[in-house]
Amino acid sequence: MSSTTPNAGSPGLTDILTLTGRHLRHLKRTPEKIISTALTPVAMVVILGYLFASVLSIPGGVAYKSYVMAGVYTQVGLTCVGITALGVATDMNKGLIDRFRSLPMGRPAVLVSHTAADMVPAMISMVTVTAVGLLVGWRTDSDPLSIMLGFVLLLSFCYAMLWLGALLGLVIRNVEAINGISALVIVLFSFLSSAFMPLHKLPDGLRIVVEWNPASSLSAAVRELWGNQPNLGEPSFAVANALPIATGSIALMILVLVPMSLRLFRLR
């Protein structure tokens, strides 16, 4: 950490790297955190993409195992909320962050390093999901640039969710409450969306709500980039413009959540 001038404003790169290294060393000593983070999406790929694929079918010329992969990646992003929320709340409760505040370092470095380090288990989960998805028969039907853009979009969503987790950890320090809210976020946003099933059979009112779920836009945008989007007839505005809606939503979440979290951190 910087040992020269106390700085409660801008985070120094050295401070960020030092704290990120601390979080990564802690992560290395607790491999069960990575394993548990990676196992849930892997189980979803196996159960939905392999077992359920034999009884579920998607109209529009796309195999269910290819359709469901974008939804599983989206669920990985939603899982990021709990990862950072628990880390920030635990550090707050143990007084570790108060110790950081007493050091000559930029205060934003505490949260920036938390979110940077927590990208590692998210990326490991995505690599694991990709490997298992390919094993069960998932294939893309697009060019390499579009495939890469799909992963960039998913990683950007993960980063936005990590900052949502940081904000949640600052507001709610009770670990049990955070576990409950994180699980609720995953269930509501992943299952009340097009992540795992198309929406064409839903009643009109409910379908509009579900179509504008950010998880639906992200899943549809990634399928579009990967060539896994089924042709279900005339698409609604939200489905036809899933890519710009998903990109704009993620950018807006980052622009709002990062300064809001940093401001709340300064006030606490």
C-alpha atoms as a PDB file:
ATOM      1  CA  MET A   1       0.000   0.000   0.000  1.00  0.00           C
ATOM      2  CA  SER A   2       1.036   3.549  -0.512  1.00  0.00           C
ATOM      3  CA  SER A   3       3.174   4.760   2.392  1.00  0.00           C
ATOM      4  CA  THR A   4       3.495   8.401   1.443  1.00  0.00           C
ATOM      5  CA  THR A   5       0.435  10.629   1.446  1.00  0.00           C
ATOM      6  CA  PRO A   6      -2.878   9.749   3.068  1.00  0.00           C
ATOM      7  CA  ASN A   7      -5.537   9.904   0.400  1.00  0.00           C
ATOM      8  CA  ALA A   8      -9.223   9.420   1.091  1.00  0.00           C
ATOM      9  CA  GLY A   9     -10.246  10.235  -2.472  1.00  0.00           C
ATOM     10  CA  SER A  10      -8.741   8.682  -5.576  1.00  0.00           C
ATOM     11  CA  PRO A  11      -7.526   5.080  -5.311  1.00  0.00           C
ATOM     12  CA  GLY A  12      -3.857   4.577  -6.208  1.00  0.00           C
ATOM     13  CA  LEU A  13      -3.029   1.725  -8.557  1.00  0.00           C
ATOM     14  CA  THR A  14      -0.588   0.326  -6.000  1.00  0.00           C
ATOM     15  CA  ASP A  15      -3.305   0.287  -3.331  1.00  0.00           C
ATOM     16  CA  ILE A  16      -5.733  -1.496  -5.651  1.00  0.00           C
ATOM     17  CA  LEU A  17      -3.167  -4.100  -6.696  1.00  0.00           C
ATOM     18  CA  THR A  18      -2.068  -4.718  -3.113  1.00  0.00           C
ATOM     19  CA  LEU A  19      -5.606  -5.222  -1.810  1.00  0.00           C
ATOM     20  CA  THR A  20      -6.578  -7.301  -4.851  1.00  0.00           C
ATOM     21  CA  GLY A  21      -3.573  -9.540  -4.147  1.00  0.00           C
ATOM     22  CA  ARG A  22      -4.740  -9.886  -0.541  1.00  0.00           C
ATOM     23  CA  HIS A  23      -8.211 -10.959  -1.652  1.00  0.00           C
ATOM     24  CA  LEU A  24      -6.788 -13.435  -4.158  1.00  0.00           C
ATOM     25  CA  ARG A  25      -4.487 -14.972  -1.525  1.00  0.00           C
ATOM     26  CA  HIS A  26      -7.496 -15.339   0.758  1.00  0.00           C
ATOM     27  CA  LEU A  27      -9.406 -16.924  -2.115  1.00  0.00           C
ATOM     28  CA  LYS A  28      -6.533 -19.353  -2.684  1.00  0.00           C
ATOM     29  CA  ARG A  29      -6.754 -20.459   0.954  1.00  0.00           C
ATOM     30  CA  THR A  30     -10.502 -21.076   0.616  1.00  0.00           C
ATOM     31  CA  PRO A  31     -10.847 -23.161  -2.577  1.00  0.00           C
ATOM     32  CA  GLU A  32     -14.292 -24.298  -1.460  1.00  0.00           C
ATOM     33  CA  LYS A  33     -15.527 -20.804  -2.375  1.00  0.00           C
ATOM     34  CA  ILE A  34     -14.432 -21.311  -5.998  1.00  0.00           C
ATOM     35  CA  ILE A  35     -15.683 -24.883  -6.087  1.00  0.00           C
ATOM     36  CA  SER A  36     -19.123 -23.987  -4.752  1.00  0.00           C
ATOM     37  CA  THR A  37     -19.376 -21.036  -7.158  1.00  0.00           C
ATOM     38  CA  ALA A  38     -18.493 -23.223 -10.148  1.00  0.00           C
ATOM     39  CA  LEU A  39     -20.496 -26.316  -9.205  1.00  0.00           C
ATOM     40  CA  THR A  40     -23.958 -24.715  -9.280  1.00  0.00           C
ATOM     41  CA  PRO A  41     -23.819 -23.566 -12.939  1.00  0.00           C
ATOM     42  CA  VAL A  42     -22.174 -26.852 -13.919  1.00  0.00           C
ATOM     43  CA  ALA A  43     -25.071 -28.717 -12.307  1.00  0.00           C
ATOM     44  CA  MET A  44     -27.495 -26.475 -14.210  1.00  0.00           C
ATOM     45  CA  VAL A  45     -25.767 -27.286 -17.506  1.00  0.00           C
ATOM     46  CA  VAL A  46     -25.879 -31.022 -16.819  1.00  0.00           C
ATOM     47  CA  ILE A  47     -29.461 -31.098 -15.504  1.00  0.00           C
ATOM     48  CA  LEU A  48     -31.008 -28.656 -17.993  1.00  0.00           C
ATOM     49  CA  GLY A  49     -28.781 -29.173 -21.003  1.00  0.00           C
ATOM     50  CA  TYR A  50     -28.368 -32.917 -20.807  1.00  0.00           C
ATOM     51  CA  LEU A  51     -31.162 -34.533 -18.797  1.00  0.00           C
ATOM     52  CA  PHE A  52     -34.007 -32.081 -19.579  1.00  0.00           C
ATOM     53  CA  ALA A  53     -32.960 -31.790 -23.231  1.00  0.00           C
ATOM     54  CA  SER A  54     -34.451 -35.232 -23.817  1.00  0.00           C
ATOM     55  CA  VAL A  55     -37.945 -34.095 -22.724  1.00  0.00           C
ATOM     56  CA  LEU A  56     -37.928 -30.365 -23.582  1.00  0.00           C
ATOM     57  CA  SER A  57     -37.834 -28.895 -27.052  1.00  0.00           C
ATOM     58  CA  ILE A  58     -37.507 -25.337 -28.330  1.00  0.00           C
ATOM     59  CA  PRO A  59     -39.434 -24.441 -31.498  1.00  0.00           C
ATOM     60  CA  GLY A  60     -37.515 -22.422 -34.048  1.00  0.00           C
ATOM     61  CA  GLY A  61     -34.694 -24.741 -34.991  1.00  0.00           C
ATOM     62  CA  VAL A  62     -32.408 -24.541 -31.926  1.00  0.00           C
ATOM     63  CA  ALA A  63     -31.584 -27.460 -29.620  1.00  0.00           C
ATOM     64  CA  TYR A  64     -32.519 -26.888 -25.972  1.00  0.00           C
ATOM     65  CA  LYS A  65     -28.951 -27.502 -24.804  1.00  0.00           C
ATOM     66  CA  SER A  66     -27.802 -24.627 -27.046  1.00  0.00           C
ATOM     67  CA  TYR A  67     -30.698 -22.389 -25.998  1.00  0.00           C
ATOM     68  CA  VAL A  68     -30.114 -22.866 -22.270  1.00  0.00           C
ATOM     69  CA  MET A  69     -26.389 -22.036 -22.226  1.00  0.00           C
ATOM     70  CA  ALA A  70     -26.899 -18.244 -22.385  1.00  0.00           C
ATOM     71  CA  GLY A  71     -29.279 -18.585 -19.434  1.00  0.00           C
ATOM     72  CA  VAL A  72     -26.739 -20.509 -17.379  1.00  0.00           C
ATOM     73  CA  TYR A  73     -24.074 -17.863 -18.055  1.00  0.00           C
ATOM     74  CA  THR A  74     -26.574 -15.176 -17.022  1.00  0.00           C
ATOM     75  CA  GLN A  75     -27.188 -17.053 -13.777  1.00  0.00           C
ATOM     76  CA  VAL A  76     -23.427 -17.061 -13.155  1.00  0.00           C
ATOM     77  CA  GLY A  77     -23.576 -13.266 -13.338  1.00  0.00           C
ATOM     78  CA  LEU A  78     -26.447 -13.119 -10.866  1.00  0.00           C
ATOM     79  CA  THR A  79     -24.460 -15.318  -8.470  1.00  0.00           C
ATOM     80  CA  CYS A  80     -21.821 -12.560  -8.343  1.00  0.00           C
ATOM     81  CA  VAL A  81     -24.157 -10.427  -6.204  1.00  0.00           C
ATOM     82  CA  GLY A  82     -23.791 -12.763  -3.220  1.00  0.00           C
ATOM     83  CA  ILE A  83     -20.031 -13.235  -3.638  1.00  0.00           C
ATOM     84  CA  THR A  84     -19.108  -9.589  -3.143  1.00  0.00           C
ATOM     85  CA  ALA A  85     -21.950  -8.797  -0.732  1.00  0.00           C
ATOM     86  CA  LEU A  86     -20.753 -11.482   1.695  1.00  0.00           C
ATOM     87  CA  GLY A  87     -17.107 -10.406   1.356  1.00  0.00           C
ATOM     88  CA  VAL A  88     -17.815  -6.728   2.005  1.00  0.00           C
ATOM     89  CA  ALA A  89     -20.219  -7.440   4.882  1.00  0.00           C
ATOM     90  CA  THR A  90     -17.761  -9.847   6.521  1.00  0.00           C
ATOM     91  CA  ASP A  91     -14.907  -7.323   6.295  1.00  0.00           C
ATOM     92  CA  MET A  92     -17.181  -4.602   7.709  1.00  0.00           C
ATOM     93  CA  ASN A  93     -18.324  -6.780  10.615  1.00  0.00           C
ATOM     94  CA  LYS A  94     -14.769  -7.869  11.489  1.00  0.00           C
ATOM     95  CA  GLY A  95     -13.497  -4.279  11.533  1.00  0.00           C
ATOM     96  CA  LEU A  96     -11.056  -4.982   8.725  1.00  0.00           C
ATOM     97  CA  ILE A  97     -12.360  -2.109   6.624  1.00  0.00           C
ATOM     98  CA  ASP A  98     -11.992   0.255   9.586  1.00  0.00           C
ATOM     99  CA  ARG A  99      -8.343  -0.807   9.661  1.00  0.00           C
ATOM    100  CA  PHE A 100      -8.011  -0.090   5.935  1.00  0.00           C
ATOM    101  CA  ARG A 101      -9.516   3.362   6.469  1.00  0.00           C
ATOM    102  CA  SER A 102      -6.814   4.184   9.011  1.00  0.00           C
ATOM    103  CA  LEU A 103      -4.089   3.488   6.458  1.00  0.00           C
ATOM    104  CA  PRO A 104      -2.667   6.088   4.041  1.00  0.00           C
ATOM    105  CA  MET A 105      -4.510   4.834   0.985  1.00  0.00           C
ATOM    106  CA  GLY A 106      -7.355   5.829  -1.284  1.00  0.00           C
ATOM    107  CA  ARG A 107     -10.619   4.594   0.223  1.00  0.00           C
ATOM    108  CA  PRO A 108     -12.158   3.606  -3.134  1.00  0.00           C
ATOM    109  CA  ALA A 109      -9.380   1.027  -3.458  1.00  0.00           C
ATOM    110  CA  VAL A 110     -11.154  -1.148  -0.861  1.00  0.00           C
ATOM    111  CA  LEU A 111     -14.260  -1.721  -2.989  1.00  0.00           C
ATOM    112  CA  VAL A 112     -12.445  -1.587  -6.352  1.00  0.00           C
ATOM    113  CA  SER A 113     -10.102  -4.370  -5.209  1.00  0.00           C
ATOM    114  CA  HIS A 114     -13.013  -6.430  -3.832  1.00  0.00           C
ATOM    115  CA  THR A 115     -14.836  -6.382  -7.164  1.00  0.00           C
ATOM    116  CA  ALA A 116     -11.636  -6.958  -9.148  1.00  0.00           C
ATOM    117  CA  ALA A 117     -10.706 -10.038  -7.107  1.00  0.00           C
ATOM    118  CA  ASP A 118     -14.249 -11.422  -7.213  1.00  0.00           C
ATOM    119  CA  MET A 119     -14.120 -11.439 -11.004  1.00  0.00           C
ATOM    120  CA  VAL A 120     -11.760 -14.427 -10.696  1.00  0.00           C
ATOM    121  CA  PRO A 121     -14.325 -16.979  -9.408  1.00  0.00           C
ATOM    122  CA  ALA A 122     -16.831 -15.612 -11.955  1.00  0.00           C
ATOM    123  CA  MET A 123     -14.359 -16.184 -14.794  1.00  0.00           C
ATOM    124  CA  ILE A 124     -13.478 -19.647 -13.487  1.00  0.00           C
ATOM    125  CA  SER A 125     -17.201 -20.485 -13.433  1.00  0.00           C
ATOM    126  CA  MET A 126     -17.576 -19.341 -17.032  1.00  0.00           C
ATOM    127  CA  VAL A 127     -14.611 -21.405 -18.200  1.00  0.00           C
ATOM    128  CA  THR A 128     -15.983 -24.450 -16.372  1.00  0.00           C
ATOM    129  CA  VAL A 129     -19.483 -23.929 -17.804  1.00  0.00           C
ATOM    130  CA  THR A 130     -18.011 -23.594 -21.300  1.00  0.00           C
ATOM    131  CA  ALA A 131     -16.114 -26.872 -20.957  1.00  0.00           C
ATOM    132  CA  VAL A 132     -19.123 -28.771 -19.611  1.00  0.00           C
ATOM    133  CA  GLY A 133     -21.433 -27.189 -22.204  1.00  0.00           C
ATOM    134  CA  LEU A 134     -19.200 -28.343 -25.038  1.00  0.00           C
ATOM    135  CA  LEU A 135     -19.108 -31.831 -23.504  1.00  0.00           C
ATOM    136  CA  VAL A 136     -22.921 -32.081 -23.488  1.00  0.00           C
ATOM    137  CA  GLY A 137     -23.154 -30.916 -27.101  1.00  0.00           C
ATOM    138  CA  TRP A 138     -23.547 -27.114 -27.003  1.00  0.00           C
ATOM    139  CA  ARG A 139     -22.342 -25.445 -30.179  1.00  0.00           C
ATOM    140  CA  THR A 140     -22.332 -21.855 -31.450  1.00  0.00           C
ATOM    141  CA  ASP A 141     -23.282 -20.873 -34.983  1.00  0.00           C
ATOM    142  CA  SER A 142     -21.533 -17.544 -35.344  1.00  0.00           C
ATOM    143  CA  ASP A 143     -18.194 -15.898 -36.172  1.00  0.00           C
ATOM    144  CA  PRO A 144     -15.364 -15.653 -33.588  1.00  0.00           C
ATOM    145  CA  LEU A 145     -15.802 -11.891 -33.089  1.00  0.00           C
ATOM    146  CA  SER A 146     -19.491 -12.248 -32.229  1.00  0.00           C
ATOM    147  CA  ILE A 147     -18.723 -15.133 -29.868  1.00  0.00           C
ATOM    148  CA  MET A 148     -16.076 -13.009 -28.127  1.00  0.00           C
ATOM    149  CA  LEU A 149     -18.485 -10.063 -27.876  1.00  0.00           C
ATOM    150  CA  GLY A 150     -20.984 -12.381 -26.195  1.00  0.00           C
ATOM    151  CA  PHE A 151     -18.459 -13.252 -23.497  1.00  0.00           C
ATOM    152  CA  VAL A 152     -17.474  -9.569 -23.093  1.00  0.00           C
ATOM    153  CA  LEU A 153     -21.151  -8.742 -22.541  1.00  0.00           C
ATOM    154  CA  LEU A 154     -21.458 -11.514 -19.937  1.00  0.00           C
ATOM    155  CA  LEU A 155     -18.306 -10.409 -18.095  1.00  0.00           C
ATOM    156  CA  SER A 156     -19.568  -6.810 -18.083  1.00  0.00           C
ATOM    157  CA  PHE A 157     -22.812  -8.045 -16.538  1.00  0.00           C
ATOM    158  CA  CYS A 158     -20.810  -9.959 -13.904  1.00  0.00           C
ATOM    159  CA  TYR A 159     -18.908  -6.760 -13.055  1.00  0.00           C
ATOM    160  CA  ALA A 160     -22.146  -4.804 -12.676  1.00  0.00           C
ATOM    161  CA  MET A 161     -23.541  -7.511 -10.381  1.00  0.00           C
ATOM    162  CA  LEU A 162     -20.356  -7.436  -8.255  1.00  0.00           C
ATOM    163  CA  TRP A 163     -20.947  -3.711  -7.627  1.00  0.00           C
ATOM    164  CA  LEU A 164     -24.579  -4.440  -6.785  1.00  0.00           C
ATOM    165  CA  GLY A 165     -23.193  -6.934  -4.276  1.00  0.00           C
ATOM    166  CA  ALA A 166     -20.818  -4.315  -2.858  1.00  0.00           C
ATOM    167  CA  LEU A 167     -23.747  -1.951  -2.336  1.00  0.00           C
ATOM    168  CA  LEU A 168     -25.779  -4.730  -0.730  1.00  0.00           C
ATOM    169  CA  GLY A 169     -22.907  -5.635   1.594  1.00  0.00           C
ATOM    170  CA  LEU A 170     -22.624  -2.021   2.759  1.00  0.00           C
ATOM    171  CA  VAL A 171     -26.355  -1.648   3.401  1.00  0.00           C
ATOM    172  CA  ILE A 172     -27.091  -5.090   4.894  1.00  0.00           C
ATOM    173  CA  ARG A 173     -24.306  -6.463   7.036  1.00  0.00           C
ATOM    174  CA  ASN A 174     -26.215  -9.489   8.297  1.00  0.00           C
ATOM    175  CA  VAL A 175     -24.790 -12.547   6.546  1.00  0.00           C
ATOM    176  CA  GLU A 176     -27.990 -14.612   6.818  1.00  0.00           C
ATOM    177  CA  ALA A 177     -30.033 -11.786   5.332  1.00  0.00           C
ATOM    178  CA  ILE A 178     -27.554 -11.390   2.464  1.00  0.00           C
ATOM    179  CA  ASN A 179     -27.729 -15.123   1.725  1.00  0.00           C
ATOM    180  CA  GLY A 180     -31.509 -14.926   1.551  1.00  0.00           C
ATOM    181  CA  ILE A 181     -31.592 -11.823  -0.663  1.00  0.00           C
ATOM    182  CA  SER A 182     -28.904 -13.211  -2.980  1.00  0.00           C
ATOM    183  CA  ALA A 183     -30.884 -16.426  -3.454  1.00  0.00           C
ATOM    184  CA  LEU A 184     -34.027 -14.384  -4.129  1.00  0.00           C
ATOM    185  CA  VAL A 185     -32.208 -12.312  -6.775  1.00  0.00           C
ATOM    186  CA  ILE A 186     -31.049 -15.491  -8.544  1.00  0.00           C
ATOM    187  CA  VAL A 187     -34.483 -17.138  -8.488  1.00  0.00           C
ATOM    188  CA  LEU A 188     -36.497 -14.066  -9.546  1.00  0.00           C
ATOM    189  CA  PHE A 189     -34.200 -12.765 -12.269  1.00  0.00           C
ATOM    190  CA  SER A 190     -33.215 -16.117 -13.785  1.00  0.00           C
ATOM    191  CA  PHE A 191     -36.492 -18.067 -13.623  1.00  0.00           C
ATOM    192  CA  LEU A 192     -38.775 -15.058 -14.293  1.00  0.00           C
ATOM    193  CA  SER A 193     -36.973 -14.489 -17.582  1.00  0.00           C
ATOM    194  CA  SER A 194     -36.223 -16.165 -20.894  1.00  0.00           C
ATOM    195  CA  ALA A 195     -32.995 -17.609 -19.485  1.00  0.00           C
ATOM    196  CA  PHE A 196     -34.235 -21.202 -19.513  1.00  0.00           C
ATOM    197  CA  MET A 197     -37.493 -21.170 -21.491  1.00  0.00           C
ATOM    198  CA  PRO A 198     -38.872 -19.052 -24.371  1.00  0.00           C
ATOM    199  CA  LEU A 199     -41.683 -16.637 -23.550  1.00  0.00           C
ATOM    200  CA  HIS A 200     -43.987 -17.054 -26.546  1.00  0.00           C
ATOM    201  CA  LYS A 201     -46.584 -19.078 -24.567  1.00  0.00           C
ATOM    202  CA  LEU A 202     -46.841 -16.680 -21.616  1.00  0.00           C
ATOM    203  CA  PRO A 203     -49.953 -14.455 -21.202  1.00  0.00           C
ATOM    204  CA  ASP A 204     -49.461 -11.039 -22.813  1.00  0.00           C
ATOM    205  CA  GLY A 205     -49.245  -9.025 -19.572  1.00  0.00           C
ATOM    206  CA  LEU A 206     -46.771 -11.353 -17.889  1.00  0.00           C
ATOM    207  CA  ARG A 207     -44.731 -11.734 -21.080  1.00  0.00           C
ATOM    208  CA  ILE A 208     -44.131  -7.980 -21.306  1.00  0.00           C
ATOM    209  CA  VAL A 209     -42.856  -7.894 -17.720  1.00  0.00           C
ATOM    210  CA  VAL A 210     -40.593 -10.890 -18.265  1.00  0.00           C
ATOM    211  CA  GLU A 211     -39.284  -9.610 -21.608  1.00  0.00           C
ATOM    212  CA  TRP A 212     -38.021  -6.414 -19.922  1.00  0.00           C
ATOM    213  CA  ASN A 213     -36.243  -8.378 -17.204  1.00  0.00           C
ATOM    214  CA  PRO A 214     -32.521  -7.534 -17.699  1.00  0.00           C
ATOM    215  CA  ALA A 215     -31.749 -11.269 -17.540  1.00  0.00           C
ATOM    216  CA  SER A 216     -34.065 -11.827 -20.536  1.00  0.00           C
ATOM    217  CA  SER A 217     -32.380  -9.086 -22.575  1.00  0.00           C
ATOM    218  CA  LEU A 218     -28.925 -10.387 -21.713  1.00  0.00           C
ATOM    219  CA  SER A 219     -29.812 -14.009 -22.528  1.00  0.00           C
ATOM    220  CA  ALA A 220     -31.432 -13.042 -25.841  1.00  0.00           C
ATOM    221  CA  ALA A 221     -28.510 -10.774 -26.779  1.00  0.00           C
ATOM    222  CA  VAL A 222     -25.952 -13.498 -26.098  1.00  0.00           C
ATOM    223  CA  ARG A 223     -27.990 -16.055 -28.077  1.00  0.00           C
ATOM    224  CA  GLU A 224     -28.177 -13.581 -30.944  1.00  0.00           C
ATOM    225  CA  LEU A 225     -24.389 -13.105 -30.905  1.00  0.00           C
ATOM    226  CA  TRP A 226     -23.761 -16.855 -30.704  1.00  0.00           C
ATOM    227  CA  GLY A 227     -26.355 -17.902 -33.292  1.00  0.00           C
ATOM    228  CA  ASN A 228     -28.412 -19.778 -30.671  1.00  0.00           C
ATOM    229  CA  GLN A 229     -31.538 -17.599 -30.885  1.00  0.00           C
ATOM    230  CA  PRO A 230     -34.585 -19.582 -32.101  1.00  0.00           C
ATOM    231  CA  ASN A 231     -36.941 -18.127 -34.690  1.00  0.00           C
ATOM    232  CA  LEU A 232     -40.256 -17.814 -32.819  1.00  0.00           C
ATOM    233  CA  GLY A 233     -42.055 -15.606 -35.312  1.00  0.00           C
ATOM    234  CA  GLU A 234     -42.531 -11.841 -35.086  1.00  0.00           C
ATOM    235  CA  PRO A 235     -40.363 -10.677 -32.137  1.00  0.00           C
ATOM    236  CA  SER A 236     -41.466  -7.994 -29.691  1.00  0.00           C
ATOM    237  CA  PHE A 237     -39.526  -4.718 -29.402  1.00  0.00           C
ATOM    238  CA  ALA A 238     -37.594  -5.984 -26.354  1.00  0.00           C
ATOM    239  CA  VAL A 239     -36.573  -9.203 -28.103  1.00  0.00           C
ATOM    240  CA  ALA A 240     -35.771  -7.571 -31.449  1.00  0.00           C
ATOM    241  CA  ASN A 241     -33.545  -4.992 -29.694  1.00  0.00           C
ATOM    242  CA  ALA A 242     -32.104  -7.264 -27.012  1.00  0.00           C
ATOM    243  CA  LEU A 243     -28.466  -6.415 -27.776  1.00  0.00           C
ATOM    244  CA  PRO A 244     -28.706  -2.594 -27.450  1.00  0.00           C
ATOM    245  CA  ILE A 245     -31.058  -2.950 -24.460  1.00  0.00           C
ATOM    246  CA  ALA A 246     -28.695  -5.348 -22.670  1.00  0.00           C
ATOM    247  CA  THR A 247     -25.643  -3.208 -23.463  1.00  0.00           C
ATOM    248  CA  GLY A 248     -27.374  -0.016 -22.319  1.00  0.00           C
ATOM    249  CA  SER A 249     -28.735  -1.647 -19.153  1.00  0.00           C
ATOM    250  CA  ILE A 250     -25.324  -2.959 -18.117  1.00  0.00           C
ATOM    251  CA  ALA A 251     -23.635   0.397 -18.806  1.00  0.00           C
ATOM    252  CA  LEU A 252     -26.335   2.202 -16.815  1.00  0.00           C
ATOM    253  CA  MET A 253     -26.009  -0.204 -13.870  1.00  0.00           C
ATOM    254  CA  ILE A 254     -22.230   0.308 -13.741  1.00  0.00           C
ATOM    255  CA  LEU A 255     -22.558   4.101 -14.035  1.00  0.00           C
ATOM    256  CA  VAL A 256     -25.080   4.178 -11.177  1.00  0.00           C
ATOM    257  CA  LEU A 257     -23.854   1.406  -8.847  1.00  0.00           C
ATOM    258  CA  VAL A 258     -20.130   2.289  -8.760  1.00  0.00           C
ATOM    259  CA  PRO A 259     -20.444   5.944  -7.612  1.00  0.00           C
ATOM    260  CA  MET A 260     -23.372   5.054  -5.330  1.00  0.00           C
ATOM    261  CA  SER A 261     -21.356   2.305  -3.610  1.00  0.00           C
ATOM    262  CA  LEU A 262     -18.252   4.482  -3.272  1.00  0.00           C
ATOM    263  CA  ARG A 263     -20.274   7.366  -1.842  1.00  0.00           C
ATOM    264  CA  LEU A 264     -22.000   5.108   0.683  1.00  0.00           C
ATOM    265  CA  PHE A 265     -18.616   3.626   1.647  1.00  0.00           C
ATOM    266  CA  ARG A 266     -17.263   7.109   2.385  1.00  0.00           C
ATOM    267  CA  LEU A 267     -20.277   7.888   4.585  1.00  0.00           C
ATOM    268  CA  ARG A 268     -20.160   4.651   6.598  1.00  0.00           C
END
